[in-house]
Amino acid sequence: MQEQEQGSVLKKKSLEQLIESPKGGIIIIKNPLFNNSTSGSNLSDKESHLEAVSVMMAYVTAEATMIEMERKINFLKKVVKE
């Protein structure tokens, strides 16, 4: 039960970091369950899942930044045409 709560708290904190992240950068989220001394073969399914979630969140942040940049570029093109 405590592991479930810890996982839930980690997911919530990760989501908060994503939402509060600055629009101009890619956010790399450090996974507190992962340390460099842990080999890949020793990771539990939960730890592996959280690593994947961290990577996906960084990708989503980068994608959102690209969309925002495209929107700004399109706006500037429109202004230049007028």
N, C-alpha and C. Protein backbone atom coordinates (compact mmCIF):
# COMPACT_ATOMS: atom_id res chain seq x y z
N MET A 1 0.82 -1.19 0.00
CA MET A 1 0.00 0.00 0.00
C MET A 1 0.87 1.26 0.00
N GLN A 2 1.94 1.25 0.81
CA GLN A 2 2.82 2.41 0.88
C GLN A 2 3.50 2.65 -0.47
N GLU A 3 3.84 1.57 -1.19
CA GLU A 3 4.47 1.71 -2.50
C GLU A 3 3.50 2.36 -3.48
N GLN A 4 2.22 2.00 -3.40
CA GLN A 4 1.21 2.61 -4.27
C GLN A 4 1.11 4.10 -4.00
N GLU A 5 1.08 4.46 -2.73
CA GLU A 5 1.00 5.88 -2.37
C GLU A 5 2.23 6.63 -2.85
N GLN A 6 3.40 6.02 -2.68
CA GLN A 6 4.64 6.66 -3.13
C GLN A 6 4.62 6.85 -4.65
N GLY A 7 4.17 5.84 -5.37
CA GLY A 7 4.07 5.95 -6.82
C GLY A 7 3.10 7.04 -7.24
N SER A 8 1.99 7.13 -6.52
CA SER A 8 0.99 8.16 -6.81
C SER A 8 1.56 9.55 -6.56
N VAL A 9 2.28 9.70 -5.47
CA VAL A 9 2.89 11.00 -5.14
C VAL A 9 3.92 11.37 -6.20
N LEU A 10 4.74 10.40 -6.63
CA LEU A 10 5.75 10.67 -7.66
C LEU A 10 5.10 11.09 -8.97
N LYS A 11 4.03 10.41 -9.35
CA LYS A 11 3.34 10.78 -10.58
C LYS A 11 2.77 12.19 -10.48
N LYS A 12 2.17 12.50 -9.32
CA LYS A 12 1.59 13.83 -9.13
C LYS A 12 2.67 14.90 -9.20
N LYS A 13 3.81 14.67 -8.53
CA LYS A 13 4.90 15.64 -8.56
C LYS A 13 5.45 15.81 -9.97
N SER A 14 5.58 14.70 -10.70
CA SER A 14 6.08 14.77 -12.07
C SER A 14 5.13 15.58 -12.95
N LEU A 15 3.84 15.35 -12.79
CA LEU A 15 2.85 16.09 -13.56
C LEU A 15 2.90 17.57 -13.21
N GLU A 16 3.03 17.89 -11.93
CA GLU A 16 3.14 19.29 -11.51
C GLU A 16 4.37 19.94 -12.13
N GLN A 17 5.49 19.22 -12.17
CA GLN A 17 6.70 19.76 -12.78
C GLN A 17 6.47 20.03 -14.26
N LEU A 18 5.76 19.15 -14.92
CA LEU A 18 5.49 19.33 -16.34
C LEU A 18 4.60 20.55 -16.57
N ILE A 19 3.56 20.67 -15.77
CA ILE A 19 2.62 21.78 -15.93
C ILE A 19 3.30 23.11 -15.62
N GLU A 20 4.14 23.15 -14.60
CA GLU A 20 4.77 24.39 -14.18
C GLU A 20 6.08 24.68 -14.92
N SER A 21 6.44 23.86 -15.88
CA SER A 21 7.72 24.03 -16.56
C SER A 21 7.70 25.27 -17.44
N PRO A 22 8.86 25.91 -17.61
CA PRO A 22 8.93 27.05 -18.51
C PRO A 22 8.66 26.60 -19.94
N LYS A 23 8.03 27.46 -20.72
CA LYS A 23 7.64 27.07 -22.08
C LYS A 23 8.83 26.94 -23.02
N GLY A 24 9.94 27.55 -22.70
CA GLY A 24 11.05 27.58 -23.64
C GLY A 24 12.08 26.49 -23.50
N GLY A 25 11.86 25.48 -22.69
CA GLY A 25 12.90 24.49 -22.51
C GLY A 25 12.39 23.08 -22.34
N ILE A 26 13.29 22.16 -22.48
CA ILE A 26 12.97 20.75 -22.26
C ILE A 26 13.29 20.43 -20.81
N ILE A 27 12.38 19.80 -20.14
CA ILE A 27 12.56 19.49 -18.74
C ILE A 27 13.01 18.04 -18.60
N ILE A 28 14.12 17.83 -17.95
CA ILE A 28 14.59 16.48 -17.64
C ILE A 28 14.23 16.22 -16.18
N ILE A 29 13.44 15.22 -15.97
CA ILE A 29 12.96 14.92 -14.63
C ILE A 29 13.80 13.80 -14.05
N LYS A 30 14.40 14.05 -12.90
CA LYS A 30 15.20 13.02 -12.24
C LYS A 30 14.26 12.08 -11.51
N ASN A 31 14.42 10.82 -11.76
CA ASN A 31 13.58 9.82 -11.11
C ASN A 31 14.22 9.44 -9.78
N PRO A 32 13.56 9.73 -8.65
CA PRO A 32 14.15 9.43 -7.35
C PRO A 32 14.30 7.94 -7.06
N LEU A 33 13.60 7.09 -7.81
CA LEU A 33 13.72 5.65 -7.60
C LEU A 33 14.91 5.05 -8.33
N PHE A 34 15.54 5.83 -9.20
CA PHE A 34 16.63 5.31 -10.01
C PHE A 34 17.94 5.94 -9.58
N ASN A 35 18.94 5.13 -9.36
CA ASN A 35 20.27 5.67 -9.11
C ASN A 35 21.26 4.97 -10.03
N ASN A 36 22.40 5.57 -10.22
CA ASN A 36 23.37 5.05 -11.19
C ASN A 36 23.95 3.71 -10.79
N SER A 37 23.84 3.33 -9.54
CA SER A 37 24.40 2.04 -9.11
C SER A 37 23.46 0.87 -9.40
N THR A 38 22.24 1.17 -9.82
CA THR A 38 21.27 0.12 -10.13
C THR A 38 21.42 -0.28 -11.59
N SER A 39 21.68 -1.53 -11.84
CA SER A 39 21.81 -1.98 -13.23
C SER A 39 20.43 -2.12 -13.85
N GLY A 40 20.37 -2.08 -15.17
CA GLY A 40 19.10 -2.18 -15.87
C GLY A 40 18.38 -3.48 -15.59
N SER A 41 19.12 -4.55 -15.39
CA SER A 41 18.48 -5.84 -15.16
C SER A 41 17.86 -5.94 -13.77
N ASN A 42 18.26 -5.07 -12.85
CA ASN A 42 17.73 -5.11 -11.49
C ASN A 42 16.53 -4.20 -11.28
N LEU A 43 16.15 -3.45 -12.30
CA LEU A 43 15.02 -2.54 -12.13
C LEU A 43 13.71 -3.31 -12.03
N SER A 44 12.88 -2.90 -11.12
CA SER A 44 11.56 -3.51 -11.02
C SER A 44 10.69 -2.95 -12.14
N ASP A 45 9.56 -3.58 -12.37
CA ASP A 45 8.63 -3.09 -13.38
C ASP A 45 8.19 -1.67 -13.07
N LYS A 46 7.96 -1.39 -11.79
CA LYS A 46 7.52 -0.06 -11.37
C LYS A 46 8.59 0.98 -11.69
N GLU A 47 9.83 0.69 -11.37
CA GLU A 47 10.91 1.63 -11.65
C GLU A 47 11.07 1.84 -13.15
N SER A 48 10.97 0.77 -13.92
CA SER A 48 11.08 0.88 -15.37
C SER A 48 9.96 1.74 -15.92
N HIS A 49 8.76 1.54 -15.39
CA HIS A 49 7.61 2.32 -15.84
C HIS A 49 7.82 3.80 -15.54
N LEU A 50 8.32 4.12 -14.35
CA LEU A 50 8.54 5.52 -13.99
C LEU A 50 9.63 6.14 -14.86
N GLU A 51 10.64 5.37 -15.22
CA GLU A 51 11.67 5.88 -16.13
C GLU A 51 11.04 6.22 -17.48
N ALA A 52 10.18 5.34 -17.97
CA ALA A 52 9.52 5.58 -19.25
C ALA A 52 8.61 6.80 -19.17
N VAL A 53 7.90 6.95 -18.07
CA VAL A 53 7.03 8.11 -17.89
C VAL A 53 7.85 9.39 -17.90
N SER A 54 9.01 9.39 -17.25
CA SER A 54 9.87 10.57 -17.23
C SER A 54 10.31 10.95 -18.64
N VAL A 55 10.70 9.97 -19.42
CA VAL A 55 11.13 10.22 -20.80
C VAL A 55 9.97 10.73 -21.64
N MET A 56 8.80 10.12 -21.48
CA MET A 56 7.63 10.55 -22.25
C MET A 56 7.24 11.98 -21.89
N MET A 57 7.35 12.34 -20.61
CA MET A 57 7.01 13.69 -20.20
C MET A 57 7.97 14.70 -20.80
N ALA A 58 9.25 14.36 -20.86
CA ALA A 58 10.22 15.24 -21.49
C ALA A 58 9.89 15.41 -22.97
N TYR A 59 9.46 14.33 -23.63
CA TYR A 59 9.08 14.39 -25.04
C TYR A 59 7.86 15.28 -25.22
N VAL A 60 6.86 15.13 -24.36
CA VAL A 60 5.65 15.94 -24.45
C VAL A 60 5.99 17.41 -24.26
N THR A 61 6.89 17.71 -23.33
CA THR A 61 7.30 19.09 -23.10
C THR A 61 7.99 19.66 -24.33
N ALA A 62 8.86 18.88 -24.96
CA ALA A 62 9.55 19.33 -26.17
C ALA A 62 8.55 19.55 -27.30
N GLU A 63 7.58 18.65 -27.42
CA GLU A 63 6.57 18.78 -28.47
C GLU A 63 5.72 20.03 -28.24
N ALA A 64 5.35 20.30 -27.00
CA ALA A 64 4.57 21.50 -26.68
C ALA A 64 5.37 22.76 -27.00
N THR A 65 6.66 22.73 -26.75
CA THR A 65 7.53 23.87 -27.06
C THR A 65 7.57 24.10 -28.56
N MET A 66 7.68 23.03 -29.34
CA MET A 66 7.71 23.16 -30.80
C MET A 66 6.40 23.74 -31.32
N ILE A 67 5.28 23.30 -30.78
CA ILE A 67 3.98 23.81 -31.19
C ILE A 67 3.87 25.30 -30.88
N GLU A 68 4.33 25.69 -29.70
CA GLU A 68 4.31 27.11 -29.32
C GLU A 68 5.20 27.93 -30.25
N MET A 69 6.36 27.41 -30.62
CA MET A 69 7.25 28.12 -31.54
C MET A 69 6.62 28.25 -32.92
N GLU A 70 5.97 27.19 -33.40
CA GLU A 70 5.29 27.25 -34.70
C GLU A 70 4.20 28.30 -34.68
N ARG A 71 3.46 28.38 -33.57
CA ARG A 71 2.39 29.37 -33.45
C ARG A 71 2.97 30.78 -33.54
N LYS A 72 4.08 31.02 -32.86
CA LYS A 72 4.72 32.34 -32.88
C LYS A 72 5.25 32.67 -34.27
N ILE A 73 5.85 31.69 -34.93
CA ILE A 73 6.37 31.91 -36.29
C ILE A 73 5.23 32.25 -37.24
N ASN A 74 4.13 31.50 -37.16
CA ASN A 74 2.98 31.78 -38.02
C ASN A 74 2.42 33.17 -37.75
N PHE A 75 2.39 33.58 -36.49
CA PHE A 75 1.93 34.92 -36.15
C PHE A 75 2.84 35.97 -36.76
N LEU A 76 4.16 35.77 -36.66
CA LEU A 76 5.11 36.73 -37.23
C LEU A 76 4.98 36.80 -38.75
N LYS A 77 4.77 35.66 -39.40
CA LYS A 77 4.58 35.65 -40.85
C LYS A 77 3.34 36.45 -41.23
N LYS A 78 2.29 36.29 -40.46
CA LYS A 78 1.04 37.02 -40.72
C LYS A 78 1.25 38.52 -40.56
N VAL A 79 1.99 38.91 -39.53
CA VAL A 79 2.26 40.34 -39.29
C VAL A 79 3.10 40.91 -40.43
N VAL A 80 4.09 40.17 -40.89
CA VAL A 80 4.96 40.64 -41.97
C VAL A 80 4.16 40.82 -43.27
N LYS A 81 3.22 39.92 -43.55
CA LYS A 81 2.41 40.02 -44.76
C LYS A 81 1.52 41.26 -44.75
N GLU A 82 1.07 41.65 -43.57
CA GLU A 82 0.18 42.82 -43.46
C GLU A 82 0.99 44.05 -43.51
